């Protein structure tokens, strides 16, 4: 099922979902953790979430419990998982793995507070009315990762000034994709570059578009699908022997050349802090949506060497991490 169709289905079905009465909260409050990904893929962000909870004074198993529900990449499982958390009467829900889990949770309950962590614009997605005053029962942390396209293209240009045609790999099911491409095109023109859009909404489509790739370099737009397929994407880029810049450290750690973006670890830590504040009595509507203040530039020297590239000293000086 395509992402956009699924979101439409969620919106249409929300009214028919049973709105279970909230159970009386036990002495130890329960947090619902709803993710589109698997437990294994979520290990790092779960650890960061627990760190944020600890900052707020909550330790799992001591004074709070966490009910984890993982969809393992199957978005159609999310509604049942969300309803299960609502019926259990959890005190608050943390959603992870994109905006779809947050939208599903929003459709499942209008009373239980929801804290989301996403790389999408929550205002455009309809999760909140504004970043400063979220309204309703949702708040959270967002990186709005696509808005960093200009910075990424600038770094790519500094590394390989000869690049003229840049392929932008995006998921066409992402409602923010069109705006992200427009931002990239404006930035590319300023650098004397052109953009070639590569839409891929599935693993099979990824393989197809890479067989048709003619660009000099690649810019990857953020999407949960790509995060789950990052090893495959890095391998496909390596096969093409072109430089690429990614939006998260996970790609560079998997062998990608360069990444620049917000620290998702820090965002999930902030998500944990917000959940803790809500458990202490704060209202989601009164907590502004957090945007990142920490950004990471990661360079993979081994990959640069394989491509015959020398990383400019200025880029190395800016790097937060160098993988050798």
Protein backbone atom coordinates (compact mmCIF):
# COMPACT_ATOMS: atom_id res chain seq x y z
CA UNK A 1 0.00 0.00 0.00
CA UNK A 2 1.36 3.41 -0.98
CA UNK A 3 2.07 5.77 1.89
CA UNK A 4 -0.29 8.49 0.71
CA UNK A 5 -3.18 6.06 0.21
CA UNK A 6 -2.55 4.65 3.67
CA UNK A 7 -2.68 8.07 5.28
CA UNK A 8 -5.99 8.76 3.50
CA UNK A 9 -7.34 5.44 4.76
CA UNK A 10 -6.26 6.28 8.30
CA UNK A 11 -8.04 9.62 8.15
CA UNK A 12 -11.25 8.11 6.80
CA UNK A 13 -11.29 5.23 9.25
CA UNK A 14 -10.48 7.24 12.36
CA UNK A 15 -14.10 8.09 13.06
CA UNK A 16 -15.02 4.40 13.05
CA UNK A 17 -12.30 3.33 15.51
CA UNK A 18 -13.60 2.62 19.02
CA UNK A 19 -12.67 5.32 21.48
CA UNK A 20 -11.98 3.25 24.57
CA UNK A 21 -12.41 4.93 27.91
CA UNK A 22 -9.12 5.59 29.60
CA UNK A 23 -8.48 3.07 32.31
CA UNK A 24 -7.55 4.28 35.76
CA UNK A 25 -3.81 4.80 35.76
CA UNK A 26 -1.81 2.29 37.81
CA UNK A 27 0.66 3.42 40.46
CA UNK A 28 3.42 3.03 37.86
CA UNK A 29 2.43 4.95 34.71
CA UNK A 30 2.77 3.19 31.36
CA UNK A 31 4.24 4.86 28.26
CA UNK A 32 3.20 3.57 24.86
CA UNK A 33 6.02 3.49 22.29
CA UNK A 34 4.55 3.20 18.76
CA UNK A 35 7.00 2.76 15.88
CA UNK A 36 6.75 1.92 12.19
CA UNK A 37 10.13 0.18 12.43
CA UNK A 38 11.42 -2.98 14.14
CA UNK A 39 12.91 -3.34 17.60
CA UNK A 40 16.36 -4.01 16.13
CA UNK A 41 16.26 -0.93 13.91
CA UNK A 42 15.09 1.17 16.85
CA UNK A 43 17.72 0.17 19.42
CA UNK A 44 19.69 3.43 19.20
CA UNK A 45 16.71 5.77 19.39
CA UNK A 46 15.13 3.76 22.20
CA UNK A 47 18.33 4.19 24.22
CA UNK A 48 18.24 7.95 23.57
CA UNK A 49 14.56 8.06 24.57
CA UNK A 50 15.37 6.31 27.85
CA UNK A 51 18.15 8.86 28.46
CA UNK A 52 15.63 11.68 28.07
CA UNK A 53 13.22 9.98 30.43
CA UNK A 54 16.03 9.65 32.98
CA UNK A 55 16.77 13.37 32.69
CA UNK A 56 13.14 13.98 33.59
CA UNK A 57 13.41 11.62 36.57
CA UNK A 58 11.84 8.44 35.14
CA UNK A 59 13.58 5.07 34.99
CA UNK A 60 11.97 2.13 33.21
CA UNK A 61 11.02 -0.59 35.69
CA UNK A 62 11.52 1.72 38.68
CA UNK A 63 8.85 4.40 38.39
CA UNK A 64 7.59 3.98 34.83
CA UNK A 65 6.83 1.14 32.41
CA UNK A 66 7.12 1.20 28.59
CA UNK A 67 4.85 -0.82 26.28
CA UNK A 68 6.68 -1.17 22.95
CA UNK A 69 4.65 -1.73 19.78
CA UNK A 70 6.67 -2.18 16.56
CA UNK A 71 5.05 -2.40 13.11
CA UNK A 72 8.29 -3.75 11.56
CA UNK A 73 7.82 -1.77 8.36
CA UNK A 74 4.17 -2.84 7.87
CA UNK A 75 2.22 0.42 8.10
CA UNK A 76 -1.10 -1.44 7.93
CA UNK A 77 -0.35 -2.84 11.41
CA UNK A 78 -0.18 0.58 13.03
CA UNK A 79 -3.92 1.18 13.61
CA UNK A 80 -4.34 -2.04 15.62
CA UNK A 81 -1.15 -1.34 17.58
CA UNK A 82 -2.32 2.19 18.39
CA UNK A 83 -5.78 0.99 19.46
CA UNK A 84 -4.10 -1.59 21.70
CA UNK A 85 -2.23 1.17 23.52
CA UNK A 86 -5.38 3.26 23.87
CA UNK A 87 -7.32 0.33 25.29
CA UNK A 88 -4.55 -0.33 27.78
CA UNK A 89 -4.98 3.21 29.05
CA UNK A 90 -1.36 4.31 28.67
CA UNK A 91 -0.50 7.70 30.18
CA UNK A 92 1.26 9.03 27.06
CA UNK A 93 2.29 7.75 23.62
CA UNK A 94 5.66 8.34 21.93
CA UNK A 95 5.57 7.81 18.14
CA UNK A 96 8.65 7.03 16.07
CA UNK A 97 9.59 6.26 12.48
CA UNK A 98 8.03 9.12 10.51
CA UNK A 99 4.75 11.00 10.62
CA UNK A 100 2.44 8.07 9.84
CA UNK A 101 2.61 6.56 13.38
CA UNK A 102 1.81 10.01 14.79
CA UNK A 103 -1.14 10.44 12.43
CA UNK A 104 -2.45 6.98 13.33
CA UNK A 105 -2.11 7.71 17.06
CA UNK A 106 -3.89 11.04 16.59
CA UNK A 107 -6.76 9.23 14.89
CA UNK A 108 -6.94 6.69 17.71
CA UNK A 109 -7.22 9.14 20.62
CA UNK A 110 -7.94 12.80 21.23
CA UNK A 111 -7.32 12.58 24.98
CA UNK A 112 -4.08 10.66 25.58
CA UNK A 113 -1.05 12.96 25.10
CA UNK A 114 1.12 12.08 22.08
CA UNK A 115 4.77 13.02 21.64
CA UNK A 116 6.12 12.51 18.12
CA UNK A 117 9.66 12.47 16.72
CA UNK A 118 9.71 13.03 12.96
CA UNK A 119 11.71 14.39 10.06
CA UNK A 120 8.57 15.82 8.46
CA UNK A 121 6.87 19.18 8.87
CA UNK A 122 4.16 18.48 11.50
CA UNK A 123 2.16 21.55 10.46
CA UNK A 124 1.98 20.47 6.81
CA UNK A 125 1.16 16.93 7.93
CA UNK A 126 -1.71 18.26 10.05
CA UNK A 127 -0.33 16.92 13.32
CA UNK A 128 -0.31 20.35 14.99
CA UNK A 129 -1.70 23.77 14.15
CA UNK A 130 1.62 25.52 14.75
CA UNK A 131 5.07 24.76 16.11
CA UNK A 132 4.88 27.29 18.95
CA UNK A 133 1.32 26.43 20.02
CA UNK A 134 0.62 22.84 18.98
CA UNK A 135 -2.98 22.79 20.30
CA UNK A 136 -4.75 19.49 20.87
CA UNK A 137 -3.03 16.50 22.43
CA UNK A 138 0.14 16.33 20.30
CA UNK A 139 3.60 17.86 20.49
CA UNK A 140 7.11 16.58 19.89
CA UNK A 141 10.38 17.11 18.05
CA UNK A 142 10.96 17.58 14.34
CA UNK A 143 13.99 18.15 12.17
CA UNK A 144 12.07 19.12 8.97
CA UNK A 145 15.05 17.47 7.30
CA UNK A 146 14.27 18.47 3.72
CA UNK A 147 14.94 22.15 4.46
CA UNK A 148 18.66 21.35 4.78
CA UNK A 149 19.00 20.51 1.06
CA UNK A 150 20.84 23.78 0.33
CA UNK A 151 23.47 23.08 2.98
CA UNK A 152 23.98 19.52 1.73
CA UNK A 153 24.34 20.61 -1.89
CA UNK A 154 26.83 23.25 -0.80
CA UNK A 155 28.97 20.64 0.98
CA UNK A 156 28.78 18.38 -2.05
CA UNK A 157 29.88 21.26 -4.29
CA UNK A 158 32.79 22.05 -2.00
CA UNK A 159 33.89 18.43 -2.13
CA UNK A 160 33.40 17.95 -5.90
CA UNK A 161 33.11 21.35 -7.67
CA UNK A 162 32.87 19.67 -11.09
CA UNK A 163 29.44 18.14 -10.37
CA UNK A 164 26.78 19.58 -12.67
CA UNK A 165 23.89 17.09 -12.57
CA UNK A 166 22.68 15.94 -9.15
CA UNK A 167 20.13 13.16 -8.77
CA UNK A 168 17.65 13.73 -5.93
CA UNK A 169 16.35 10.42 -4.62
CA UNK A 170 12.95 10.80 -2.95
CA UNK A 171 9.87 8.83 -2.00
CA UNK A 172 6.95 10.07 -4.17
CA UNK A 173 4.52 8.99 -1.41
CA UNK A 174 5.94 11.69 0.86
CA UNK A 175 3.53 14.67 0.86
CA UNK A 176 6.51 17.00 1.47
CA UNK A 177 8.50 15.68 -1.52
CA UNK A 178 7.40 18.40 -3.95
CA UNK A 179 8.44 21.20 -1.60
CA UNK A 180 11.76 19.48 -0.87
CA UNK A 181 12.54 19.23 -4.59
CA UNK A 182 11.71 22.91 -5.06
CA UNK A 183 14.16 23.82 -2.26
CA UNK A 184 16.85 21.64 -3.85
CA UNK A 185 16.32 23.17 -7.28
CA UNK A 186 16.73 26.71 -5.94
CA UNK A 187 19.94 25.73 -4.14
CA UNK A 188 21.28 23.86 -7.18
CA UNK A 189 20.77 26.82 -9.53
CA UNK A 190 22.79 29.03 -7.20
CA UNK A 191 25.67 26.54 -7.52
CA UNK A 192 25.39 26.13 -11.30
CA UNK A 193 23.93 22.63 -10.92
CA UNK A 194 20.87 20.88 -12.31
CA UNK A 195 18.55 18.48 -10.51
CA UNK A 196 17.35 15.11 -11.78
CA UNK A 197 14.47 13.72 -9.72
CA UNK A 198 14.60 9.99 -8.95
CA UNK A 199 11.28 8.83 -7.42
CA UNK A 200 11.33 5.47 -5.62
CA UNK A 201 8.55 4.31 -3.32
CA UNK A 202 9.67 0.72 -2.80
CA UNK A 203 12.77 -1.47 -2.75
CA UNK A 204 12.06 -2.69 -6.28
CA UNK A 205 11.67 0.86 -7.59
CA UNK A 206 15.01 1.73 -6.00
CA UNK A 207 16.76 -0.91 -8.07
CA UNK A 208 15.05 0.31 -11.24
CA UNK A 209 15.90 4.00 -10.85
CA UNK A 210 19.55 3.23 -10.17
CA UNK A 211 19.81 1.37 -13.48
CA UNK A 212 18.69 4.61 -15.16
CA UNK A 213 20.96 6.95 -13.18
CA UNK A 214 23.02 9.36 -15.29
CA UNK A 215 23.83 12.03 -12.72
CA UNK A 216 27.28 13.03 -11.43
CA UNK A 217 26.25 12.87 -7.77
CA UNK A 218 23.34 11.99 -5.51
CA UNK A 219 21.35 13.84 -2.82
CA UNK A 220 19.12 11.64 -0.66
CA UNK A 221 15.91 13.15 0.68
CA UNK A 222 14.74 11.94 4.13
CA UNK A 223 12.19 9.14 4.36
CA UNK A 224 11.64 6.20 6.77
CA UNK A 225 11.67 3.82 3.79
CA UNK A 226 15.19 4.92 2.90
CA UNK A 227 16.33 4.63 6.49
CA UNK A 228 15.26 1.00 6.55
CA UNK A 229 16.96 0.38 3.17
CA UNK A 230 20.10 2.41 3.89
CA UNK A 231 22.54 -0.48 3.39
CA UNK A 232 21.01 -1.25 0.00
CA UNK A 233 21.06 2.41 -1.04
CA UNK A 234 24.71 2.83 -0.04
CA UNK A 235 25.57 -0.34 -2.00
CA UNK A 236 23.72 0.92 -5.10
CA UNK A 237 25.53 4.27 -4.90
CA UNK A 238 28.86 2.46 -4.49
CA UNK A 239 28.11 0.43 -7.61
CA UNK A 240 27.60 3.68 -9.56
CA UNK A 241 30.88 5.09 -8.18
CA UNK A 242 29.48 8.60 -7.65
CA UNK A 243 29.68 10.90 -4.62
CA UNK A 244 26.55 11.12 -2.48
CA UNK A 245 25.45 13.12 0.52
CA UNK A 246 22.89 11.82 3.01
CA UNK A 247 20.73 13.33 5.75
CA UNK A 248 21.74 11.11 8.67
CA UNK A 249 24.87 9.59 10.20
CA UNK A 250 23.52 6.02 9.76
CA UNK A 251 24.25 6.20 6.02
CA UNK A 252 27.85 7.31 6.46
CA UNK A 253 28.37 4.63 9.10
CA UNK A 254 27.08 2.11 6.53
CA UNK A 255 29.70 3.23 4.01
CA UNK A 256 28.25 6.42 2.56
CA UNK A 257 30.58 9.29 1.69
CA UNK A 258 29.11 12.25 3.54
CA UNK A 259 26.14 13.10 5.75
CA UNK A 260 24.81 16.30 7.23
CA UNK A 261 21.74 16.59 9.38
CA UNK A 262 20.26 16.89 12.80
CA UNK A 263 21.15 14.40 15.48
CA UNK A 264 18.15 12.06 15.70
CA UNK A 265 19.67 10.71 18.89
CA UNK A 266 19.28 14.15 20.42
CA UNK A 267 15.70 14.45 19.10
CA UNK A 268 14.67 11.18 20.73
CA UNK A 269 16.34 12.27 23.95
CA UNK A 270 14.22 15.41 23.78
CA UNK A 271 11.18 13.22 23.12
CA UNK A 272 11.94 11.39 26.36
CA UNK A 273 12.23 14.70 28.23
CA UNK A 274 8.84 15.81 26.90
CA UNK A 275 7.20 12.52 27.87
CA UNK A 276 8.64 12.97 31.36
CA UNK A 277 7.28 16.51 31.61
CA UNK A 278 3.83 15.30 30.58
CA UNK A 279 3.96 12.55 33.19
CA UNK A 280 4.62 15.30 35.73
CA UNK A 281 1.51 17.17 34.66
CA UNK A 282 2.44 19.33 31.66
CA UNK A 283 -0.08 19.52 28.79
CA UNK A 284 1.04 18.65 25.26
CA UNK A 285 -0.69 21.76 23.92
CA UNK A 286 1.56 23.94 26.11
CA UNK A 287 4.84 22.37 24.94
CA UNK A 288 6.20 23.92 21.70
CA UNK A 289 7.40 21.52 19.02
CA UNK A 290 11.17 21.28 19.41
CA UNK A 291 13.49 21.86 16.47
CA UNK A 292 17.12 20.72 16.55
CA UNK A 293 20.00 22.92 17.59
CA UNK A 294 22.64 20.24 17.03
CA UNK A 295 23.68 19.23 13.51
CA UNK A 296 26.27 16.61 12.55
CA UNK A 297 28.66 16.50 9.62
CA UNK A 298 30.11 13.02 9.19
CA UNK A 299 32.78 12.10 6.62
CA UNK A 300 33.84 8.62 5.56
CA UNK A 301 37.49 8.77 4.48
CA UNK A 302 37.55 5.14 3.37
CA UNK A 303 34.74 5.79 0.89
CA UNK A 304 36.40 9.01 -0.29
CA UNK A 305 39.60 7.10 -1.01
CA UNK A 306 37.69 4.43 -2.94
CA UNK A 307 36.20 7.19 -5.11
CA UNK A 308 39.57 8.87 -5.61
CA UNK A 309 38.46 11.98 -3.73
CA UNK A 310 40.44 14.16 -1.35
CA UNK A 311 38.35 15.75 1.36
CA UNK A 312 39.14 19.50 1.48
CA UNK A 313 40.72 20.66 4.76
CA UNK A 314 37.83 23.06 5.30
CA UNK A 315 35.29 20.22 5.22
CA UNK A 316 37.42 18.08 7.53
CA UNK A 317 37.72 20.98 9.97
CA UNK A 318 33.93 21.24 10.12
CA UNK A 319 33.35 17.51 10.51
CA UNK A 320 31.91 16.31 13.82
CA UNK A 321 33.07 12.78 13.05
CA UNK A 322 35.56 11.27 10.59
CA UNK A 323 35.21 7.57 9.82
CA UNK A 324 38.48 5.96 8.76
